[in-house]
Amino acid sequence: MTDHPAPHGGPAPQSPAGAAARQRTCAACGAAFEPGRRTELEVLIDGEIRYVAVHSGHSTHAPARERLATSRLPAARTAPAREAAA
């Protein structure tokens, strides 16, 4: 946890540093992290902001949600260029 107060008086967000060390297991599959192996972080919002560690390539998000997000990325990347050209 951070020592900084959260905005709007809510709980302070977790620090992403050390999420894998705190958890010791993947939030997606439950398997233990191996020393030296790469992990990734995902943001989980459940009333407060939390960072969870997952194995590289794993996700706690539903596949359908991942596909929707991926399909929106190209449009989001080109939107600033369209706005600048206008």
N, C-alpha and C. Protein backbone atom coordinates (compact mmCIF):
# COMPACT_ATOMS: atom_id res chain seq x y z
N MET A 1 0.84 -1.18 0.00
CA MET A 1 0.00 0.00 0.00
C MET A 1 0.89 1.24 0.00
N THR A 2 0.36 2.31 -0.54
CA THR A 2 1.11 3.55 -0.54
C THR A 2 0.84 4.32 0.74
N ASP A 3 1.72 5.26 1.03
CA ASP A 3 1.53 6.11 2.19
C ASP A 3 0.80 7.39 1.84
N HIS A 4 0.44 7.56 0.59
CA HIS A 4 -0.21 8.78 0.13
C HIS A 4 -1.72 8.64 0.26
N PRO A 5 -2.40 9.71 0.68
CA PRO A 5 -3.86 9.63 0.76
C PRO A 5 -4.45 9.53 -0.64
N ALA A 6 -5.57 8.86 -0.75
CA ALA A 6 -6.25 8.71 -2.03
C ALA A 6 -7.03 9.98 -2.34
N PRO A 7 -7.25 10.29 -3.62
CA PRO A 7 -8.07 11.44 -3.96
C PRO A 7 -9.50 11.20 -3.49
N HIS A 8 -10.21 12.25 -3.17
CA HIS A 8 -11.61 12.20 -2.78
C HIS A 8 -11.83 11.43 -1.48
N GLY A 9 -10.82 11.26 -0.66
CA GLY A 9 -10.99 10.64 0.63
C GLY A 9 -11.18 9.13 0.62
N GLY A 10 -11.07 8.48 -0.53
CA GLY A 10 -11.22 7.02 -0.61
C GLY A 10 -9.96 6.32 -0.17
N PRO A 11 -9.97 5.00 -0.21
CA PRO A 11 -8.76 4.26 0.17
C PRO A 11 -7.63 4.52 -0.81
N ALA A 12 -6.41 4.49 -0.34
CA ALA A 12 -5.25 4.70 -1.20
C ALA A 12 -5.08 3.52 -2.13
N PRO A 13 -4.74 3.74 -3.42
CA PRO A 13 -4.53 2.61 -4.33
C PRO A 13 -3.30 1.81 -3.94
N GLN A 14 -3.32 0.52 -4.25
CA GLN A 14 -2.17 -0.33 -4.00
C GLN A 14 -1.04 0.07 -4.92
N SER A 15 0.16 -0.12 -4.46
CA SER A 15 1.32 0.09 -5.31
C SER A 15 1.52 -1.15 -6.17
N PRO A 16 1.79 -0.97 -7.48
CA PRO A 16 2.01 -2.15 -8.31
C PRO A 16 3.33 -2.85 -8.00
N ALA A 17 4.27 -2.14 -7.39
CA ALA A 17 5.58 -2.74 -7.10
C ALA A 17 5.41 -3.89 -6.13
N GLY A 18 5.95 -5.03 -6.49
CA GLY A 18 5.93 -6.17 -5.59
C GLY A 18 4.65 -6.97 -5.59
N ALA A 19 3.76 -6.77 -6.55
CA ALA A 19 2.50 -7.52 -6.57
C ALA A 19 2.76 -9.02 -6.64
N ALA A 20 3.72 -9.44 -7.45
CA ALA A 20 4.02 -10.87 -7.57
C ALA A 20 4.57 -11.43 -6.26
N ALA A 21 5.40 -10.65 -5.58
CA ALA A 21 5.96 -11.10 -4.31
C ALA A 21 4.87 -11.20 -3.24
N ARG A 22 3.93 -10.25 -3.25
CA ARG A 22 2.83 -10.30 -2.28
C ARG A 22 1.92 -11.48 -2.54
N GLN A 23 1.58 -11.72 -3.79
CA GLN A 23 0.62 -12.76 -4.13
C GLN A 23 1.22 -14.17 -4.10
N ARG A 24 2.37 -14.30 -4.70
CA ARG A 24 3.08 -15.57 -4.84
C ARG A 24 2.42 -16.53 -5.82
N THR A 25 1.16 -16.28 -6.24
CA THR A 25 0.50 -17.12 -7.23
C THR A 25 -0.19 -16.23 -8.27
N CYS A 26 -0.39 -16.77 -9.45
CA CYS A 26 -1.02 -16.06 -10.56
C CYS A 26 -2.50 -15.83 -10.25
N ALA A 27 -2.97 -14.60 -10.45
CA ALA A 27 -4.38 -14.28 -10.20
C ALA A 27 -5.30 -14.95 -11.22
N ALA A 28 -4.76 -15.38 -12.37
CA ALA A 28 -5.58 -16.02 -13.39
C ALA A 28 -5.66 -17.53 -13.23
N CYS A 29 -4.51 -18.19 -13.03
CA CYS A 29 -4.51 -19.66 -13.00
C CYS A 29 -4.23 -20.26 -11.63
N GLY A 30 -3.70 -19.47 -10.71
CA GLY A 30 -3.43 -19.94 -9.36
C GLY A 30 -2.11 -20.65 -9.18
N ALA A 31 -1.35 -20.85 -10.26
CA ALA A 31 -0.05 -21.51 -10.15
C ALA A 31 0.98 -20.56 -9.55
N ALA A 32 1.95 -21.12 -8.85
CA ALA A 32 3.00 -20.31 -8.21
C ALA A 32 3.89 -19.65 -9.25
N PHE A 33 4.38 -18.46 -8.90
CA PHE A 33 5.36 -17.78 -9.75
C PHE A 33 6.72 -18.41 -9.54
N GLU A 34 7.45 -18.60 -10.63
CA GLU A 34 8.80 -19.15 -10.56
C GLU A 34 9.79 -18.00 -10.47
N PRO A 35 10.80 -18.11 -9.62
CA PRO A 35 11.80 -17.04 -9.51
C PRO A 35 12.43 -16.72 -10.87
N GLY A 36 12.53 -15.45 -11.18
CA GLY A 36 13.16 -15.03 -12.42
C GLY A 36 12.26 -15.01 -13.64
N ARG A 37 11.06 -15.59 -13.55
CA ARG A 37 10.14 -15.56 -14.69
C ARG A 37 9.39 -14.26 -14.73
N ARG A 38 9.10 -13.81 -15.92
CA ARG A 38 8.40 -12.54 -16.12
C ARG A 38 6.93 -12.67 -15.68
N THR A 39 6.43 -11.62 -15.04
CA THR A 39 5.02 -11.53 -14.69
C THR A 39 4.47 -10.23 -15.27
N GLU A 40 3.18 -10.14 -15.36
CA GLU A 40 2.52 -8.93 -15.84
C GLU A 40 1.55 -8.46 -14.76
N LEU A 41 1.16 -7.22 -14.84
CA LEU A 41 0.20 -6.64 -13.89
C LEU A 41 -1.10 -6.33 -14.60
N GLU A 42 -2.19 -6.53 -13.92
CA GLU A 42 -3.50 -6.10 -14.40
C GLU A 42 -4.13 -5.25 -13.30
N VAL A 43 -4.91 -4.29 -13.71
CA VAL A 43 -5.63 -3.45 -12.76
C VAL A 43 -6.97 -4.11 -12.49
N LEU A 44 -7.31 -4.23 -11.23
CA LEU A 44 -8.59 -4.78 -10.81
C LEU A 44 -9.27 -3.72 -9.97
N ILE A 45 -10.47 -3.32 -10.36
CA ILE A 45 -11.20 -2.31 -9.61
C ILE A 45 -12.42 -2.98 -8.99
N ASP A 46 -12.40 -3.07 -7.67
CA ASP A 46 -13.52 -3.70 -6.95
C ASP A 46 -13.88 -2.86 -5.74
N GLY A 47 -14.10 -1.59 -5.98
CA GLY A 47 -14.35 -0.66 -4.90
C GLY A 47 -13.09 0.11 -4.54
N GLU A 48 -11.95 -0.44 -4.83
CA GLU A 48 -10.67 0.25 -4.74
C GLU A 48 -9.78 -0.26 -5.86
N ILE A 49 -8.74 0.48 -6.16
CA ILE A 49 -7.84 0.10 -7.24
C ILE A 49 -6.82 -0.88 -6.70
N ARG A 50 -6.73 -2.04 -7.33
CA ARG A 50 -5.76 -3.06 -6.93
C ARG A 50 -4.97 -3.48 -8.17
N TYR A 51 -3.76 -3.89 -7.94
CA TYR A 51 -2.94 -4.45 -9.00
C TYR A 51 -2.75 -5.92 -8.69
N VAL A 52 -3.02 -6.77 -9.67
CA VAL A 52 -2.82 -8.20 -9.48
C VAL A 52 -1.77 -8.68 -10.47
N ALA A 53 -0.96 -9.62 -10.04
CA ALA A 53 0.09 -10.18 -10.88
C ALA A 53 -0.43 -11.44 -11.56
N VAL A 54 -0.07 -11.59 -12.82
CA VAL A 54 -0.44 -12.77 -13.61
C VAL A 54 0.78 -13.23 -14.40
N HIS A 55 0.81 -14.51 -14.77
CA HIS A 55 1.86 -14.99 -15.66
C HIS A 55 1.77 -14.26 -16.99
N SER A 56 2.88 -14.10 -17.65
CA SER A 56 2.89 -13.47 -18.97
C SER A 56 1.95 -14.24 -19.90
N GLY A 57 1.04 -13.53 -20.53
CA GLY A 57 0.08 -14.16 -21.44
C GLY A 57 -1.23 -14.55 -20.77
N HIS A 58 -1.31 -14.52 -19.45
CA HIS A 58 -2.55 -14.83 -18.74
C HIS A 58 -3.34 -13.55 -18.51
N SER A 59 -4.64 -13.70 -18.28
CA SER A 59 -5.48 -12.55 -18.00
C SER A 59 -6.61 -12.95 -17.07
N THR A 60 -7.01 -12.03 -16.22
CA THR A 60 -8.17 -12.25 -15.37
C THR A 60 -9.45 -11.76 -16.05
N HIS A 61 -9.31 -11.11 -17.21
CA HIS A 61 -10.46 -10.59 -17.93
C HIS A 61 -11.04 -11.67 -18.84
N ALA A 62 -12.36 -11.65 -19.01
CA ALA A 62 -13.04 -12.63 -19.87
C ALA A 62 -12.55 -12.48 -21.31
N PRO A 63 -12.40 -13.60 -22.04
CA PRO A 63 -11.94 -13.52 -23.43
C PRO A 63 -12.79 -12.60 -24.30
N ALA A 64 -14.10 -12.60 -24.11
CA ALA A 64 -14.96 -11.73 -24.92
C ALA A 64 -14.63 -10.26 -24.67
N ARG A 65 -14.35 -9.92 -23.43
CA ARG A 65 -13.99 -8.54 -23.09
C ARG A 65 -12.64 -8.17 -23.70
N GLU A 66 -11.70 -9.11 -23.69
CA GLU A 66 -10.39 -8.88 -24.30
C GLU A 66 -10.53 -8.64 -25.80
N ARG A 67 -11.37 -9.44 -26.47
CA ARG A 67 -11.57 -9.27 -27.92
C ARG A 67 -12.19 -7.91 -28.21
N LEU A 68 -13.17 -7.50 -27.40
CA LEU A 68 -13.80 -6.20 -27.60
C LEU A 68 -12.78 -5.08 -27.45
N ALA A 69 -11.97 -5.15 -26.43
CA ALA A 69 -10.95 -4.12 -26.20
C ALA A 69 -9.95 -4.08 -27.36
N THR A 70 -9.53 -5.26 -27.82
CA THR A 70 -8.58 -5.33 -28.94
C THR A 70 -9.19 -4.76 -30.21
N SER A 71 -10.47 -5.02 -30.44
CA SER A 71 -11.11 -4.51 -31.65
C SER A 71 -11.24 -2.99 -31.63
N ARG A 72 -11.29 -2.40 -30.45
CA ARG A 72 -11.40 -0.94 -30.33
C ARG A 72 -10.06 -0.23 -30.39
N LEU A 73 -8.97 -0.94 -30.21
CA LEU A 73 -7.66 -0.31 -30.20
C LEU A 73 -7.32 0.42 -31.50
N PRO A 74 -7.49 -0.19 -32.68
CA PRO A 74 -7.14 0.55 -33.90
C PRO A 74 -7.90 1.87 -34.02
N ALA A 75 -9.17 1.88 -33.68
CA ALA A 75 -9.96 3.11 -33.76
C ALA A 75 -9.45 4.14 -32.76
N ALA A 76 -9.10 3.71 -31.57
CA ALA A 76 -8.59 4.62 -30.55
C ALA A 76 -7.23 5.19 -30.94
N ARG A 77 -6.42 4.41 -31.60
CA ARG A 77 -5.09 4.88 -32.00
C ARG A 77 -5.17 5.91 -33.12
N THR A 78 -6.13 5.78 -34.01
CA THR A 78 -6.23 6.71 -35.14
C THR A 78 -7.08 7.93 -34.81
N ALA A 79 -7.86 7.92 -33.74
CA ALA A 79 -8.73 9.05 -33.39
C ALA A 79 -7.94 10.34 -33.17
N PRO A 80 -6.83 10.34 -32.42
CA PRO A 80 -6.09 11.59 -32.24
C PRO A 80 -5.56 12.14 -33.57
N ALA A 81 -5.17 11.28 -34.48
CA ALA A 81 -4.67 11.74 -35.78
C ALA A 81 -5.81 12.39 -36.60
N ARG A 82 -7.00 11.79 -36.53
CA ARG A 82 -8.14 12.37 -37.24
C ARG A 82 -8.51 13.73 -36.64
N GLU A 83 -8.46 13.83 -35.29
CA GLU A 83 -8.81 15.08 -34.63
C GLU A 83 -7.80 16.17 -34.96
N ALA A 84 -6.52 15.81 -35.03
CA ALA A 84 -5.48 16.80 -35.35
C ALA A 84 -5.60 17.30 -36.79
N ALA A 85 -6.05 16.43 -37.68
CA ALA A 85 -6.19 16.79 -39.09
C ALA A 85 -7.39 17.68 -39.32
N ALA A 86 -8.38 17.63 -38.44
CA ALA A 86 -9.63 18.40 -38.63
C ALA A 86 -9.45 19.87 -38.36
